[in-house]
Amino acid sequence: MNAGLKNFQNGDFTKTIEIDTSYQLKDLINGVNTLGESLKHTIEENKMQSENIQKNSNAISNSVKTIKDEPLKELNNIVQETTSSMQDIGATQHELSKILSN
């Protein structure tokens, strides 16, 4: 019984407490064992919920990053389009200059 109680004190609710004694004490131990099972399930549930929260947090973080990066992508596209247009204008001016100088 003492080993079982020490396991509970250390947070290990996976082992039950065995006892051979009077009816009342056995009922008490059964109640403690039931409590241990309940706590074990609660811990497992909390762990799964924590993992889900972490996944959702990562998804939200990625979404926020995407939202933050979108204006930069748009600005990059605008700069590229402007640069391309300026290069086209420069090429056209060069061609016109060649034609006019002939």
N, C-alpha and C. Protein backbone atom coordinates (compact mmCIF):
# COMPACT_ATOMS: atom_id res chain seq x y z
N MET A 1 0.83 -1.19 0.00
CA MET A 1 0.00 0.00 0.00
C MET A 1 0.88 1.26 0.00
N ASN A 2 1.93 1.27 0.80
CA ASN A 2 2.80 2.44 0.87
C ASN A 2 3.44 2.75 -0.48
N ALA A 3 3.83 1.71 -1.22
CA ALA A 3 4.43 1.94 -2.54
C ALA A 3 3.42 2.60 -3.47
N GLY A 4 2.18 2.13 -3.40
CA GLY A 4 1.13 2.73 -4.23
C GLY A 4 0.88 4.18 -3.89
N LEU A 5 0.87 4.51 -2.61
CA LEU A 5 0.67 5.89 -2.18
C LEU A 5 1.86 6.76 -2.61
N LYS A 6 3.08 6.21 -2.52
CA LYS A 6 4.25 6.98 -2.96
C LYS A 6 4.18 7.25 -4.46
N ASN A 7 3.69 6.27 -5.23
CA ASN A 7 3.51 6.50 -6.67
C ASN A 7 2.56 7.67 -6.89
N PHE A 8 1.46 7.70 -6.16
CA PHE A 8 0.49 8.79 -6.30
C PHE A 8 1.13 10.13 -5.92
N GLN A 9 1.93 10.12 -4.83
CA GLN A 9 2.57 11.35 -4.39
C GLN A 9 3.52 11.87 -5.46
N ASN A 10 4.11 10.97 -6.24
CA ASN A 10 5.05 11.37 -7.29
C ASN A 10 4.37 11.62 -8.62
N GLY A 11 3.05 11.61 -8.63
CA GLY A 11 2.32 11.93 -9.86
C GLY A 11 2.11 10.75 -10.78
N ASP A 12 2.45 9.54 -10.34
CA ASP A 12 2.24 8.35 -11.15
C ASP A 12 0.90 7.73 -10.76
N PHE A 13 -0.11 7.98 -11.59
CA PHE A 13 -1.45 7.48 -11.30
C PHE A 13 -1.77 6.23 -12.11
N THR A 14 -0.75 5.61 -12.69
CA THR A 14 -0.97 4.45 -13.54
C THR A 14 -1.06 3.15 -12.75
N LYS A 15 -0.60 3.16 -11.52
CA LYS A 15 -0.61 1.94 -10.71
C LYS A 15 -1.70 2.05 -9.64
N THR A 16 -2.34 0.94 -9.36
CA THR A 16 -3.37 0.94 -8.33
C THR A 16 -2.76 0.51 -7.00
N ILE A 17 -3.50 0.77 -5.94
CA ILE A 17 -3.07 0.39 -4.59
C ILE A 17 -3.77 -0.91 -4.23
N GLU A 18 -3.00 -1.88 -3.84
CA GLU A 18 -3.56 -3.18 -3.43
C GLU A 18 -3.52 -3.27 -1.91
N ILE A 19 -4.58 -3.84 -1.34
CA ILE A 19 -4.64 -3.96 0.12
C ILE A 19 -5.52 -5.15 0.49
N ASP A 20 -5.15 -5.82 1.56
CA ASP A 20 -5.96 -6.89 2.14
C ASP A 20 -6.24 -6.50 3.59
N THR A 21 -7.36 -5.87 3.82
CA THR A 21 -7.69 -5.42 5.17
C THR A 21 -9.20 -5.27 5.30
N SER A 22 -9.63 -4.50 6.25
CA SER A 22 -11.06 -4.39 6.55
C SER A 22 -11.83 -3.75 5.40
N TYR A 23 -13.12 -3.94 5.40
CA TYR A 23 -14.02 -3.48 4.36
C TYR A 23 -13.95 -1.96 4.18
N GLN A 24 -13.98 -1.20 5.26
CA GLN A 24 -13.99 0.27 5.16
C GLN A 24 -12.70 0.80 4.55
N LEU A 25 -11.58 0.27 4.96
CA LEU A 25 -10.31 0.72 4.41
C LEU A 25 -10.21 0.34 2.94
N LYS A 26 -10.73 -0.83 2.60
CA LYS A 26 -10.72 -1.24 1.19
C LYS A 26 -11.57 -0.29 0.35
N ASP A 27 -12.72 0.14 0.87
CA ASP A 27 -13.55 1.12 0.16
C ASP A 27 -12.79 2.43 -0.03
N LEU A 28 -12.07 2.85 1.01
CA LEU A 28 -11.29 4.07 0.90
C LEU A 28 -10.23 3.93 -0.19
N ILE A 29 -9.53 2.83 -0.21
CA ILE A 29 -8.49 2.60 -1.20
C ILE A 29 -9.09 2.52 -2.59
N ASN A 30 -10.24 1.87 -2.74
CA ASN A 30 -10.91 1.82 -4.04
C ASN A 30 -11.27 3.23 -4.51
N GLY A 31 -11.70 4.06 -3.58
CA GLY A 31 -12.02 5.45 -3.92
C GLY A 31 -10.77 6.20 -4.38
N VAL A 32 -9.66 5.98 -3.70
CA VAL A 32 -8.40 6.62 -4.09
C VAL A 32 -7.98 6.11 -5.46
N ASN A 33 -8.13 4.80 -5.71
CA ASN A 33 -7.78 4.25 -7.02
C ASN A 33 -8.65 4.86 -8.12
N THR A 34 -9.93 5.03 -7.85
CA THR A 34 -10.83 5.65 -8.81
C THR A 34 -10.40 7.09 -9.08
N LEU A 35 -10.04 7.79 -8.02
CA LEU A 35 -9.53 9.15 -8.17
C LEU A 35 -8.27 9.16 -9.02
N GLY A 36 -7.38 8.19 -8.77
CA GLY A 36 -6.15 8.09 -9.57
C GLY A 36 -6.44 7.88 -11.03
N GLU A 37 -7.38 7.01 -11.35
CA GLU A 37 -7.77 6.78 -12.75
C GLU A 37 -8.33 8.05 -13.37
N SER A 38 -9.17 8.73 -12.61
CA SER A 38 -9.75 9.97 -13.11
C SER A 38 -8.68 11.02 -13.38
N LEU A 39 -7.73 11.13 -12.47
CA LEU A 39 -6.64 12.08 -12.66
C LEU A 39 -5.78 11.69 -13.86
N LYS A 40 -5.53 10.39 -14.04
CA LYS A 40 -4.75 9.93 -15.18
C LYS A 40 -5.43 10.31 -16.48
N HIS A 41 -6.74 10.12 -16.56
CA HIS A 41 -7.48 10.49 -17.77
C HIS A 41 -7.47 12.00 -17.98
N THR A 42 -7.59 12.75 -16.91
CA THR A 42 -7.56 14.20 -17.00
C THR A 42 -6.21 14.68 -17.52
N ILE A 43 -5.13 14.08 -17.04
CA ILE A 43 -3.78 14.45 -17.49
C ILE A 43 -3.62 14.13 -18.98
N GLU A 44 -4.10 12.95 -19.40
CA GLU A 44 -4.02 12.57 -20.81
C GLU A 44 -4.82 13.54 -21.68
N GLU A 45 -6.01 13.90 -21.20
CA GLU A 45 -6.86 14.84 -21.93
C GLU A 45 -6.19 16.21 -22.03
N ASN A 46 -5.61 16.66 -20.93
CA ASN A 46 -4.91 17.95 -20.94
C ASN A 46 -3.74 17.92 -21.91
N LYS A 47 -3.03 16.80 -21.98
CA LYS A 47 -1.91 16.69 -22.90
C LYS A 47 -2.39 16.79 -24.35
N MET A 48 -3.49 16.10 -24.68
CA MET A 48 -4.03 16.17 -26.04
C MET A 48 -4.51 17.59 -26.36
N GLN A 49 -5.18 18.21 -25.41
CA GLN A 49 -5.66 19.58 -25.62
C GLN A 49 -4.49 20.54 -25.77
N SER A 50 -3.43 20.32 -25.02
CA SER A 50 -2.24 21.16 -25.13
C SER A 50 -1.62 21.02 -26.52
N GLU A 51 -1.57 19.78 -27.04
CA GLU A 51 -1.04 19.56 -28.38
C GLU A 51 -1.91 20.25 -29.43
N ASN A 52 -3.23 20.17 -29.26
CA ASN A 52 -4.15 20.84 -30.19
C ASN A 52 -3.98 22.35 -30.13
N ILE A 53 -3.82 22.88 -28.93
CA ILE A 53 -3.61 24.32 -28.78
C ILE A 53 -2.33 24.73 -29.48
N GLN A 54 -1.28 23.91 -29.32
CA GLN A 54 0.00 24.22 -29.97
C GLN A 54 -0.15 24.21 -31.49
N LYS A 55 -0.86 23.21 -32.04
CA LYS A 55 -1.10 23.15 -33.49
C LYS A 55 -1.86 24.38 -33.96
N ASN A 56 -2.92 24.73 -33.24
CA ASN A 56 -3.73 25.89 -33.61
C ASN A 56 -2.91 27.18 -33.50
N SER A 57 -2.09 27.26 -32.47
CA SER A 57 -1.23 28.44 -32.30
C SER A 57 -0.26 28.56 -33.47
N ASN A 58 0.31 27.45 -33.90
CA ASN A 58 1.22 27.47 -35.05
C ASN A 58 0.49 27.89 -36.32
N ALA A 59 -0.73 27.39 -36.50
CA ALA A 59 -1.51 27.74 -37.69
C ALA A 59 -1.83 29.23 -37.69
N ILE A 60 -2.21 29.76 -36.54
CA ILE A 60 -2.51 31.19 -36.43
C ILE A 60 -1.26 32.01 -36.69
N SER A 61 -0.14 31.57 -36.13
CA SER A 61 1.12 32.28 -36.33
C SER A 61 1.49 32.31 -37.81
N ASN A 62 1.32 31.20 -38.49
CA ASN A 62 1.61 31.15 -39.93
C ASN A 62 0.66 32.06 -40.71
N SER A 63 -0.59 32.09 -40.31
CA SER A 63 -1.56 32.96 -40.98
C SER A 63 -1.20 34.43 -40.80
N VAL A 64 -0.81 34.78 -39.59
CA VAL A 64 -0.42 36.17 -39.31
C VAL A 64 0.82 36.52 -40.12
N LYS A 65 1.78 35.60 -40.20
CA LYS A 65 2.99 35.85 -40.98
C LYS A 65 2.63 36.06 -42.45
N THR A 66 1.72 35.24 -42.96
CA THR A 66 1.29 35.38 -44.35
C THR A 66 0.64 36.73 -44.57
N ILE A 67 -0.22 37.11 -43.64
CA ILE A 67 -0.91 38.40 -43.75
C ILE A 67 0.11 39.54 -43.72
N LYS A 68 1.12 39.43 -42.85
CA LYS A 68 2.14 40.47 -42.76
C LYS A 68 2.98 40.53 -44.03
N ASP A 69 3.26 39.37 -44.62
CA ASP A 69 4.12 39.30 -45.80
C ASP A 69 3.40 39.70 -47.08
N GLU A 70 2.09 39.60 -47.13
CA GLU A 70 1.35 39.91 -48.36
C GLU A 70 1.63 41.33 -48.87
N PRO A 71 1.55 42.36 -48.02
CA PRO A 71 1.85 43.70 -48.54
C PRO A 71 3.26 43.79 -49.11
N LEU A 72 4.22 43.08 -48.52
CA LEU A 72 5.58 43.10 -49.04
C LEU A 72 5.64 42.44 -50.42
N LYS A 73 4.87 41.37 -50.60
CA LYS A 73 4.82 40.72 -51.91
C LYS A 73 4.22 41.67 -52.94
N GLU A 74 3.14 42.35 -52.53
CA GLU A 74 2.50 43.30 -53.44
C GLU A 74 3.47 44.42 -53.81
N LEU A 75 4.18 44.95 -52.82
CA LEU A 75 5.16 46.00 -53.07
C LEU A 75 6.26 45.48 -54.00
N ASN A 76 6.72 44.27 -53.78
CA ASN A 76 7.73 43.67 -54.63
C ASN A 76 7.23 43.55 -56.07
N ASN A 77 5.98 43.13 -56.24
CA ASN A 77 5.40 43.04 -57.59
C ASN A 77 5.33 44.42 -58.26
N ILE A 78 4.95 45.41 -57.51
CA ILE A 78 4.86 46.78 -58.05
C ILE A 78 6.25 47.26 -58.48
N VAL A 79 7.26 47.02 -57.62
CA VAL A 79 8.62 47.44 -57.96
C VAL A 79 9.10 46.71 -59.21
N GLN A 80 8.83 45.42 -59.30
CA GLN A 80 9.25 44.65 -60.48
C GLN A 80 8.56 45.15 -61.75
N GLU A 81 7.26 45.41 -61.65
CA GLU A 81 6.52 45.92 -62.81
C GLU A 81 7.05 47.29 -63.23
N THR A 82 7.32 48.15 -62.26
CA THR A 82 7.85 49.49 -62.55
C THR A 82 9.23 49.39 -63.20
N THR A 83 10.07 48.52 -62.65
CA THR A 83 11.41 48.33 -63.21
C THR A 83 11.32 47.81 -64.64
N SER A 84 10.46 46.86 -64.87
CA SER A 84 10.28 46.31 -66.21
C SER A 84 9.79 47.38 -67.18
N SER A 85 8.84 48.18 -66.73
CA SER A 85 8.32 49.27 -67.58
C SER A 85 9.42 50.28 -67.89
N MET A 86 10.23 50.61 -66.90
CA MET A 86 11.32 51.57 -67.12
C MET A 86 12.35 51.00 -68.10
N GLN A 87 12.61 49.69 -68.00
CA GLN A 87 13.54 49.07 -68.95
C GLN A 87 12.97 49.11 -70.36
N ASP A 88 11.67 48.84 -70.49
CA ASP A 88 11.02 48.91 -71.80
C ASP A 88 11.09 50.33 -72.37
N ILE A 89 10.83 51.32 -71.53
CA ILE A 89 10.89 52.72 -71.98
C ILE A 89 12.31 53.06 -72.41
N GLY A 90 13.29 52.62 -71.62
CA GLY A 90 14.69 52.87 -71.98
C GLY A 90 15.05 52.22 -73.30
N ALA A 91 14.59 51.00 -73.54
CA ALA A 91 14.87 50.32 -74.80
C ALA A 91 14.20 51.04 -75.96
N THR A 92 12.98 51.49 -75.75
CA THR A 92 12.26 52.22 -76.79
C THR A 92 12.97 53.53 -77.10
N GLN A 93 13.41 54.25 -76.09
CA GLN A 93 14.13 55.50 -76.30
C GLN A 93 15.43 55.25 -77.06
N HIS A 94 16.10 54.17 -76.73
CA HIS A 94 17.34 53.83 -77.43
C HIS A 94 17.07 53.55 -78.90
N GLU A 95 16.02 52.82 -79.18
CA GLU A 95 15.63 52.53 -80.57
C GLU A 95 15.27 53.81 -81.32
N LEU A 96 14.50 54.70 -80.66
CA LEU A 96 14.13 55.97 -81.29
C LEU A 96 15.36 56.84 -81.55
N SER A 97 16.29 56.79 -80.60
CA SER A 97 17.52 57.56 -80.77
C SER A 97 18.32 57.05 -81.95
N LYS A 98 18.36 55.74 -82.15
CA LYS A 98 19.07 55.16 -83.30
C LYS A 98 18.41 55.55 -84.62
N ILE A 99 17.07 55.54 -84.61
CA ILE A 99 16.33 55.89 -85.82
C ILE A 99 16.56 57.36 -86.18
N LEU A 100 16.50 58.23 -85.17
CA LEU A 100 16.62 59.66 -85.41
C LEU A 100 18.05 60.03 -85.83
N SER A 101 19.03 59.28 -85.35
CA SER A 101 20.40 59.61 -85.71
C SER A 101 20.76 59.12 -87.09
N ASN A 102 19.98 58.29 -87.71
CA ASN A 102 20.25 57.82 -89.09
C ASN A 102 19.75 58.80 -90.05
